[in-house]
Amino acid sequence: MVSAPAAEGWAAPLFPRSEYERRWRRVREAAAARDLAGVVVFSRGGAQTDSYADVFYLANHYTVFPLLPDAAPHWSGHSHCALIVPAAGEPVLVLDFDELRPDLVPVDDVVVSGDVPAAVAGVLRDRGLEGEAVGLVGANALQVAPYLRLRELSPRTELVVCDGLVEDLRVVKTAAEQDRLRAATRVGELVVAAMLEAAGRGGRTEADAVAEGYALAARHGVAMYDAAVSSGPNSGRYAYGRLPSWSLRELEPGDLFHVDCYGALDGYLFDLSRTAIVASRPSGDQRELLDGAIAAIGAGLEAVRPGASGAELFAVVRGELDRRGLSGAAGEGEEAVGFSGYDCHGHGFGLAWEWPWITPWEERRVEAGMVIAVECMAGRPASGSVKLEQAVLVGEDANELLYELPPYHVDADA
């Protein structure tokens, strides 16, 4: 396995300014196609990794200040930032807190205000956008209170929600972005391998296993998102813990331990799931679960190609699980396990989880340059579940497998 590099974004811009200028130009083109006078893009940081992608993609900025309840007019929109991209002219970055890294951010015009919606309203007015139809990107990131304040302070502006405008630009990765994702996946393998090795030895808790991976992640500059863990009698669940999503349960010989682990290196995600058998070789039932998950993921990856829809990929993965009786469906008197009732077997990803979603309803189609993760839980009520997730970089003619980590781990001394 290739050793993982440390994060570079701490000390250098991710991409040259010309790349960001290209992205701004594409945003303007997408806005013009919707008859919009410009776009205001919101993202949220504050040490969470749910909603930073759009501003990070366009401005290489992440706001570190945490989310606070609004106390307007003293402050509003803490942990939010916004990039205003007019149809003509340079973009303006609005920050909630004066922690700008000018060595990293390509935007020249920056406004800092504890009242983010008031500052955005001021930029809309100064740039001649007030009273026009303006795209609002990031409605899923924007808290209700600062949104209502923006509406109050710019009442004549028609805010047209178009969350997909930037995501549609992000889904196909440039060659430089593909390299970033390769680096992230190498780190992700190391993080998950550390967790599996700790779990596989037994005599430790779920928390001990997660701690091994988190310690390594911190040294490599990873912003960890989560490690969703279940084990033993709880292995039929995606995660048995809640906050955090692991527990202090001690791992026992023969237990199934699985983790869905995701984090970001320089903003770009890794996302993979693996299973360990604790201090033992797989039993016959466990082998069937593992073989079934491997077959379902393998079939799904084989079907990933330009032009395939998310719904078509879902049918392949779920069909393989159903044929083996491993989709988690419950028989009479039994409790369902795994992803039964959760109709998703994967997604695109980059700076965030992206379309196409591998669901029964997703008609959007795979394109070359996307990164697609295929995942499943394979389980039976009496046996528990294993979890597996693999990802590929989609090519015109062939895909590149991003993770080399084996689908399951057995301790060498077991």
Protein backbone atom coordinates (compact mmCIF):
# COMPACT_ATOMS: atom_id res chain seq x y z
CA MET A 1 0.00 0.00 0.00
CA VAL A 2 1.29 3.47 -0.84
CA SER A 3 2.15 5.54 2.23
CA ALA A 4 -0.19 8.48 2.73
CA PRO A 5 0.96 12.06 2.32
CA ALA A 6 0.26 14.75 4.88
CA ALA A 7 -2.36 17.35 4.05
CA GLU A 8 -0.99 20.10 1.84
CA GLY A 9 -3.79 22.64 2.12
CA TRP A 10 -2.43 23.93 5.43
CA ALA A 11 0.48 25.58 3.65
CA ALA A 12 -0.33 26.01 -0.05
CA PRO A 13 -3.33 26.68 -2.31
CA LEU A 14 -5.02 23.53 -3.54
CA PHE A 15 -5.09 24.71 -7.16
CA PRO A 16 -3.83 27.70 -9.17
CA ARG A 17 -6.00 30.81 -9.32
CA SER A 18 -6.77 30.05 -12.96
CA GLU A 19 -8.68 26.94 -11.84
CA TYR A 20 -10.89 28.99 -9.53
CA GLU A 21 -11.45 31.56 -12.26
CA ARG A 22 -12.60 28.70 -14.50
CA ARG A 23 -15.06 27.61 -11.81
CA TRP A 24 -16.41 31.15 -11.37
CA ARG A 25 -16.91 31.38 -15.13
CA ARG A 26 -18.88 28.14 -15.14
CA VAL A 27 -21.05 29.39 -12.27
CA ARG A 28 -21.81 32.56 -14.25
CA GLU A 29 -22.71 30.47 -17.29
CA ALA A 30 -24.99 28.24 -15.22
CA ALA A 31 -26.64 31.32 -13.68
CA ALA A 32 -27.17 32.93 -17.09
CA ALA A 33 -28.81 29.73 -18.35
CA ARG A 34 -31.34 30.12 -15.51
CA ASP A 35 -31.87 33.85 -16.21
CA LEU A 36 -30.28 34.80 -12.88
CA ALA A 37 -28.43 38.05 -12.24
CA GLY A 38 -25.96 36.24 -10.03
CA VAL A 39 -25.62 33.58 -7.37
CA VAL A 40 -25.09 33.69 -3.61
CA VAL A 41 -23.50 30.46 -2.37
CA PHE A 42 -23.72 29.57 1.33
CA SER A 43 -21.68 26.99 3.17
CA ARG A 44 -21.24 26.14 6.83
CA GLY A 45 -18.20 25.06 8.80
CA GLY A 46 -17.65 25.37 12.54
CA ALA A 47 -15.78 22.05 12.83
CA GLN A 48 -18.47 20.05 11.05
CA THR A 49 -18.10 18.43 7.65
CA ASP A 50 -21.67 18.32 6.41
CA SER A 51 -22.00 21.49 4.38
CA TYR A 52 -18.70 23.13 3.44
CA ALA A 53 -18.34 21.88 -0.13
CA ASP A 54 -19.70 24.64 -2.36
CA VAL A 55 -17.78 27.65 -0.99
CA PHE A 56 -14.70 25.47 -0.52
CA TYR A 57 -14.93 24.44 -4.18
CA LEU A 58 -15.22 28.03 -5.37
CA ALA A 59 -13.05 29.90 -2.86
CA ASN A 60 -10.90 27.35 -0.95
CA HIS A 61 -12.28 28.72 2.32
CA TYR A 62 -13.58 26.88 5.38
CA THR A 63 -14.95 28.90 8.28
CA VAL A 64 -13.75 27.61 11.64
CA PHE A 65 -16.01 29.52 14.03
CA PRO A 66 -18.72 27.31 15.61
CA LEU A 67 -22.46 27.57 15.16
CA LEU A 68 -24.10 29.92 17.69
CA PRO A 69 -27.77 30.81 18.11
CA ASP A 70 -28.51 34.04 16.27
CA ALA A 71 -28.47 37.22 18.37
CA ALA A 72 -29.24 39.78 15.67
CA PRO A 73 -28.28 42.54 15.22
CA HIS A 74 -25.22 41.70 17.33
CA TRP A 75 -24.44 38.57 15.34
CA SER A 76 -26.15 36.30 12.86
CA GLY A 77 -25.00 33.35 10.77
CA HIS A 78 -21.95 32.31 12.77
CA SER A 79 -20.27 29.24 11.18
CA HIS A 80 -21.68 30.40 7.82
CA CYS A 81 -19.82 31.96 4.92
CA ALA A 82 -21.07 33.10 1.53
CA LEU A 83 -19.64 33.72 -1.91
CA ILE A 84 -21.55 36.15 -4.12
CA VAL A 85 -20.87 35.62 -7.83
CA PRO A 86 -22.45 38.38 -9.97
CA ALA A 87 -23.19 37.81 -13.64
CA ALA A 88 -20.49 40.41 -14.33
CA GLY A 89 -17.58 41.33 -12.09
CA GLU A 90 -15.46 39.56 -9.51
CA PRO A 91 -16.88 37.42 -6.70
CA VAL A 92 -17.13 38.62 -3.10
CA LEU A 93 -16.46 36.36 -0.11
CA VAL A 94 -18.36 37.11 3.11
CA LEU A 95 -16.89 35.68 6.33
CA ASP A 96 -18.34 35.47 9.82
CA PHE A 97 -15.01 35.80 11.58
CA ASP A 98 -11.67 37.36 10.70
CA GLU A 99 -9.72 34.13 10.21
CA LEU A 100 -9.04 34.51 6.49
CA ARG A 101 -6.04 32.65 5.05
CA PRO A 102 -5.11 34.99 2.18
CA ASP A 103 -2.35 32.57 1.14
CA LEU A 104 -5.05 29.97 0.42
CA VAL A 105 -8.08 31.97 -0.77
CA PRO A 106 -8.09 33.22 -4.40
CA VAL A 107 -10.86 35.80 -3.86
CA ASP A 108 -9.63 39.40 -3.66
CA ASP A 109 -12.80 41.07 -2.38
CA VAL A 110 -13.50 39.84 1.18
CA VAL A 111 -16.02 41.22 3.69
CA VAL A 112 -15.85 40.20 7.36
CA SER A 113 -18.94 40.64 9.51
CA GLY A 114 -20.44 38.96 12.55
CA ASP A 115 -23.78 39.60 10.85
CA VAL A 116 -23.38 37.43 7.75
CA PRO A 117 -26.86 37.96 6.23
CA ALA A 118 -26.56 41.74 6.68
CA ALA A 119 -23.19 41.70 4.92
CA VAL A 120 -24.61 39.57 2.08
CA ALA A 121 -27.54 41.98 1.72
CA GLY A 122 -25.04 44.84 1.51
CA VAL A 123 -23.06 43.13 -1.24
CA LEU A 124 -26.25 42.42 -3.21
CA ARG A 125 -27.14 46.11 -2.95
CA ASP A 126 -23.64 47.37 -3.83
CA ARG A 127 -23.33 45.03 -6.83
CA GLY A 128 -26.70 45.98 -8.26
CA LEU A 129 -28.27 42.60 -7.50
CA GLU A 130 -30.89 43.81 -5.04
CA GLY A 131 -34.33 43.44 -6.56
CA GLU A 132 -33.11 40.93 -9.15
CA ALA A 133 -33.55 37.16 -9.41
CA VAL A 134 -30.51 35.72 -7.63
CA GLY A 135 -29.69 32.05 -7.27
CA LEU A 136 -29.43 30.71 -3.71
CA VAL A 137 -27.05 27.77 -3.47
CA GLY A 138 -26.67 26.03 -0.12
CA ALA A 139 -30.23 26.02 1.18
CA ASN A 140 -29.38 22.71 2.85
CA ALA A 141 -26.48 24.43 4.66
CA LEU A 142 -28.18 27.70 5.59
CA GLN A 143 -29.86 27.86 8.98
CA VAL A 144 -33.41 29.22 9.04
CA ALA A 145 -32.67 32.24 11.26
CA PRO A 146 -29.97 33.82 9.04
CA TYR A 147 -32.05 32.98 5.96
CA LEU A 148 -35.03 34.86 7.36
CA ARG A 149 -32.77 37.76 8.28
CA LEU A 150 -31.44 37.91 4.72
CA ARG A 151 -35.01 37.96 3.40
CA GLU A 152 -35.85 40.77 5.83
CA LEU A 153 -32.80 42.86 4.85
CA SER A 154 -33.13 42.32 1.09
CA PRO A 155 -36.89 42.00 0.62
CA ARG A 156 -36.98 42.99 -3.04
CA THR A 157 -34.43 40.35 -4.08
CA GLU A 158 -35.93 37.16 -5.49
CA LEU A 159 -33.90 34.32 -4.01
CA VAL A 160 -34.23 31.32 -6.32
CA VAL A 161 -33.14 28.10 -4.64
CA CYS A 162 -30.85 26.13 -6.98
CA ASP A 163 -28.76 23.91 -4.72
CA GLY A 164 -27.67 21.70 -7.58
CA LEU A 165 -26.04 24.51 -9.56
CA VAL A 166 -22.58 24.09 -8.03
CA GLU A 167 -22.92 20.37 -7.31
CA ASP A 168 -23.55 19.78 -11.02
CA LEU A 169 -20.16 21.39 -11.68
CA ARG A 170 -18.40 19.43 -8.93
CA VAL A 171 -19.45 15.91 -9.87
CA VAL A 172 -16.94 15.46 -12.71
CA LYS A 173 -13.42 15.84 -11.33
CA THR A 174 -10.46 17.44 -13.06
CA ALA A 175 -7.18 15.53 -13.23
CA ALA A 176 -5.86 17.57 -10.29
CA GLU A 177 -8.96 16.79 -8.23
CA GLN A 178 -8.59 13.11 -9.06
CA ASP A 179 -5.09 13.23 -7.58
CA ARG A 180 -6.49 14.81 -4.42
CA LEU A 181 -9.02 12.02 -4.12
CA ARG A 182 -6.35 9.38 -4.65
CA ALA A 183 -4.36 10.90 -1.80
CA ALA A 184 -7.45 10.98 0.42
CA THR A 185 -8.27 7.35 -0.29
CA ARG A 186 -4.71 6.27 0.60
CA VAL A 187 -5.03 7.97 3.98
CA GLY A 188 -8.50 6.49 4.45
CA GLU A 189 -7.13 2.99 3.93
CA LEU A 190 -4.54 3.54 6.64
CA VAL A 191 -7.13 4.89 9.07
CA VAL A 192 -9.54 2.00 8.53
CA ALA A 193 -6.75 -0.61 8.57
CA ALA A 194 -5.67 0.67 11.99
CA MET A 195 -9.23 0.27 13.29
CA LEU A 196 -9.61 -3.24 11.84
CA GLU A 197 -6.28 -4.43 13.20
CA ALA A 198 -7.14 -3.19 16.69
CA ALA A 199 -10.61 -4.74 16.55
CA GLY A 200 -9.34 -8.01 15.12
CA ARG A 201 -7.04 -8.64 18.08
CA GLY A 202 -9.96 -8.65 20.50
CA GLY A 203 -9.82 -7.73 24.17
CA ARG A 204 -10.59 -4.12 23.32
CA THR A 205 -13.66 -1.98 23.01
CA GLU A 206 -15.17 -0.49 19.88
CA ALA A 207 -13.90 2.87 21.15
CA ASP A 208 -10.33 1.53 21.43
CA ALA A 209 -10.42 0.41 17.80
CA VAL A 210 -11.78 3.76 16.60
CA ALA A 211 -9.15 5.61 18.65
CA GLU A 212 -6.35 3.84 16.77
CA GLY A 213 -7.69 5.17 13.48
CA TYR A 214 -8.41 8.66 14.76
CA ALA A 215 -4.89 9.03 16.15
CA LEU A 216 -3.41 8.16 12.77
CA ALA A 217 -5.86 10.46 10.99
CA ALA A 218 -4.86 13.42 13.17
CA ARG A 219 -1.17 12.92 12.36
CA HIS A 220 -1.95 12.91 8.63
CA GLY A 221 -4.01 16.10 8.67
CA VAL A 222 -7.40 14.42 8.21
CA ALA A 223 -10.62 16.13 9.28
CA MET A 224 -12.54 13.09 10.51
CA TYR A 225 -16.23 12.99 9.74
CA ASP A 226 -17.28 9.80 11.52
CA ALA A 227 -16.68 6.11 12.08
CA ALA A 228 -20.03 4.34 12.27
CA VAL A 229 -19.44 1.07 14.12
CA SER A 230 -21.42 -2.00 15.15
CA SER A 231 -20.26 -5.34 16.47
CA GLY A 232 -21.32 -8.70 17.88
CA PRO A 233 -25.06 -8.94 18.66
CA ASN A 234 -25.48 -5.38 17.33
CA SER A 235 -23.82 -6.01 13.96
CA GLY A 236 -27.17 -5.95 12.18
CA ARG A 237 -27.27 -2.21 12.80
CA TYR A 238 -25.42 0.39 10.78
CA ALA A 239 -24.17 1.92 14.04
CA TYR A 240 -25.20 0.99 17.56
CA GLY A 241 -23.80 4.12 19.20
CA ARG A 242 -25.41 7.50 18.72
CA LEU A 243 -23.17 10.35 19.87
CA PRO A 244 -20.53 9.12 19.25
CA SER A 245 -21.49 6.43 16.75
CA TRP A 246 -19.37 3.78 18.47
CA SER A 247 -19.72 2.29 21.95
CA LEU A 248 -17.66 1.02 24.87
CA ARG A 249 -18.70 -2.55 24.14
CA GLU A 250 -15.80 -5.00 24.55
CA LEU A 251 -15.10 -7.04 21.43
CA GLU A 252 -15.26 -10.80 21.93
CA PRO A 253 -13.75 -13.65 19.88
CA GLY A 254 -15.94 -14.50 16.90
CA ASP A 255 -17.68 -11.13 16.81
CA LEU A 256 -18.34 -9.34 13.55
CA PHE A 257 -17.05 -5.76 13.72
CA HIS A 258 -17.79 -3.37 10.87
CA VAL A 259 -17.03 0.30 10.34
CA ASP A 260 -18.17 2.84 7.77
CA CYS A 261 -15.45 5.48 7.96
CA TYR A 262 -15.30 8.87 6.26
CA GLY A 263 -13.15 11.95 6.54
CA ALA A 264 -11.48 14.64 4.45
CA LEU A 265 -7.90 15.33 3.41
CA ASP A 266 -7.54 18.89 2.09
CA GLY A 267 -11.34 18.90 1.89
CA TYR A 268 -11.57 15.84 -0.39
CA LEU A 269 -13.32 12.82 1.10
CA PHE A 270 -12.47 9.21 1.60
CA ASP A 271 -15.37 6.87 2.33
CA LEU A 272 -15.02 3.14 2.83
CA SER A 273 -16.51 0.29 4.87
CA ARG A 274 -14.81 -2.88 5.99
CA THR A 275 -15.47 -5.76 8.37
CA ALA A 276 -13.26 -7.63 10.86
CA ILE A 277 -13.79 -10.98 12.52
CA VAL A 278 -12.57 -10.61 16.09
CA ALA A 279 -9.79 -13.01 17.17
CA SER A 280 -11.20 -15.80 15.01
CA ARG A 281 -11.59 -17.16 11.52
CA PRO A 282 -15.00 -16.66 9.87
CA SER A 283 -17.67 -19.19 10.74
CA GLY A 284 -19.67 -20.81 7.95
CA ASP A 285 -22.49 -18.27 8.34
CA GLN A 286 -20.05 -15.38 8.44
CA ARG A 287 -18.31 -16.63 5.33
CA GLU A 288 -21.65 -16.61 3.47
CA LEU A 289 -22.23 -13.02 4.55
CA LEU A 290 -18.76 -11.95 3.46
CA ASP A 291 -18.97 -13.78 0.15
CA GLY A 292 -22.38 -12.26 -0.51
CA ALA A 293 -21.22 -8.71 0.21
CA ILE A 294 -18.14 -9.16 -1.97
CA ALA A 295 -20.28 -10.53 -4.81
CA ALA A 296 -22.85 -7.71 -4.56
CA ILE A 297 -20.21 -4.99 -4.50
CA GLY A 298 -18.29 -6.66 -7.30
CA ALA A 299 -21.38 -6.83 -9.47
CA GLY A 300 -22.15 -3.19 -8.75
CA LEU A 301 -18.63 -2.05 -9.60
CA GLU A 302 -18.71 -4.03 -12.82
CA ALA A 303 -21.89 -2.20 -13.80
CA VAL A 304 -20.45 1.27 -13.09
CA ARG A 305 -19.81 2.81 -16.49
CA PRO A 306 -20.59 6.07 -18.29
CA GLY A 307 -24.30 6.18 -19.09
CA ALA A 308 -25.46 3.84 -16.31
CA SER A 309 -28.17 5.32 -14.08
CA GLY A 310 -28.18 5.11 -10.32
CA ALA A 311 -31.37 3.04 -10.49
CA GLU A 312 -29.70 0.50 -12.77
CA LEU A 313 -26.76 0.15 -10.38
CA PHE A 314 -29.12 -0.26 -7.42
CA ALA A 315 -30.94 -3.10 -9.14
CA VAL A 316 -27.64 -4.92 -9.71
CA VAL A 317 -26.45 -4.68 -6.09
CA ARG A 318 -29.79 -5.36 -4.43
CA GLY A 319 -30.53 -8.14 -6.90
CA GLU A 320 -27.35 -10.01 -5.90
CA LEU A 321 -28.17 -9.66 -2.21
CA ASP A 322 -31.75 -10.80 -2.76
CA ARG A 323 -30.63 -13.87 -4.72
CA ARG A 324 -28.45 -14.90 -1.77
CA GLY A 325 -31.06 -14.05 0.86
CA LEU A 326 -28.76 -11.43 2.37
CA SER A 327 -30.65 -8.16 1.90
CA GLY A 328 -31.65 -8.10 5.56
CA ALA A 329 -35.31 -8.84 4.96
CA ALA A 330 -36.98 -10.41 7.99
CA GLY A 331 -38.88 -13.66 8.04
CA GLU A 332 -41.92 -14.28 10.22
CA GLY A 333 -41.10 -13.44 13.83
CA GLU A 334 -37.66 -12.07 12.92
CA GLU A 335 -36.21 -8.58 13.13
CA ALA A 336 -34.87 -7.01 9.93
CA VAL A 337 -31.14 -6.32 9.78
CA GLY A 338 -28.75 -4.35 7.65
CA PHE A 339 -29.93 -1.75 5.15
CA SER A 340 -33.37 -3.34 4.84
CA GLY A 341 -35.77 -0.49 4.14
CA TYR A 342 -32.91 1.91 3.30
CA ASP A 343 -32.89 1.98 -0.45
CA CYS A 344 -29.41 3.29 -1.16
CA HIS A 345 -26.37 1.32 -2.25
CA GLY A 346 -23.92 4.15 -2.88
CA HIS A 347 -23.29 7.57 -4.35
CA GLY A 348 -20.79 9.86 -5.97
CA PHE A 349 -18.39 11.80 -3.79
CA GLY A 350 -15.64 14.40 -3.85
CA LEU A 351 -15.90 17.39 -1.51
CA ALA A 352 -19.23 15.93 -0.36
CA TRP A 353 -21.58 13.10 -1.19
CA GLU A 354 -22.96 13.75 -4.64
CA TRP A 355 -25.23 12.38 -7.31
CA PRO A 356 -25.79 9.96 -8.86
CA TRP A 357 -27.29 8.19 -5.86
CA ILE A 358 -27.49 4.42 -6.19
CA THR A 359 -31.19 4.25 -5.41
CA PRO A 360 -34.31 2.90 -7.14
CA TRP A 361 -35.35 6.45 -8.12
CA GLU A 362 -32.08 7.93 -9.45
CA GLU A 363 -32.25 8.45 -13.21
CA ARG A 364 -29.17 10.71 -13.45
CA ARG A 365 -26.30 8.91 -15.10
CA VAL A 366 -22.67 8.16 -14.43
CA GLU A 367 -20.08 10.20 -16.33
CA ALA A 368 -16.37 9.69 -16.82
CA GLY A 369 -14.42 11.62 -14.19
CA MET A 370 -16.86 10.86 -11.40
CA VAL A 371 -15.90 8.95 -8.26
CA ILE A 372 -18.58 6.39 -7.37
CA ALA A 373 -18.84 4.43 -4.13
CA VAL A 374 -20.85 1.19 -4.05
CA GLU A 375 -21.85 -0.12 -0.63
CA CYS A 376 -24.03 -2.69 1.09
CA MET A 377 -24.72 -4.51 4.28
CA ALA A 378 -25.20 -8.25 3.82
CA GLY A 379 -27.04 -9.90 6.66
CA ARG A 380 -29.43 -12.41 8.09
CA PRO A 381 -31.40 -11.92 11.30
CA ALA A 382 -29.74 -14.89 12.98
CA SER A 383 -26.20 -14.10 11.80
CA GLY A 384 -25.89 -10.33 11.95
CA SER A 385 -24.42 -8.29 9.14
CA VAL A 386 -21.17 -7.35 7.46
CA LYS A 387 -20.59 -4.05 5.69
CA LEU A 388 -18.50 -3.37 2.61
CA GLU A 389 -17.97 -0.26 0.51
CA GLN A 390 -15.65 0.20 -2.46
CA ALA A 391 -15.09 3.12 -4.82
CA VAL A 392 -13.89 3.65 -8.37
CA LEU A 393 -12.78 6.57 -10.47
CA VAL A 394 -14.85 6.27 -13.62
CA GLY A 395 -12.99 6.27 -16.93
CA GLU A 396 -14.22 6.38 -20.50
CA ASP A 397 -13.13 2.79 -21.13
CA ALA A 398 -12.06 1.39 -17.76
CA ASN A 399 -12.44 2.28 -14.09
CA GLU A 400 -9.69 2.76 -11.53
CA LEU A 401 -10.20 0.95 -8.22
CA LEU A 402 -9.43 3.40 -5.43
CA TYR A 403 -9.09 1.11 -2.40
CA GLU A 404 -6.76 -1.89 -2.17
CA LEU A 405 -7.65 -2.74 1.44
CA PRO A 406 -9.05 -6.30 1.58
CA PRO A 407 -12.81 -6.54 2.11
CA TYR A 408 -12.44 -8.08 5.57
CA HIS A 409 -9.77 -8.49 8.21
CA VAL A 410 -8.80 -11.56 10.24
CA ASP A 411 -6.10 -11.32 12.90
CA ALA A 412 -3.01 -13.21 11.82
CA ASP A 413 -2.81 -15.04 15.15
CA ALA A 414 -6.43 -16.17 15.14
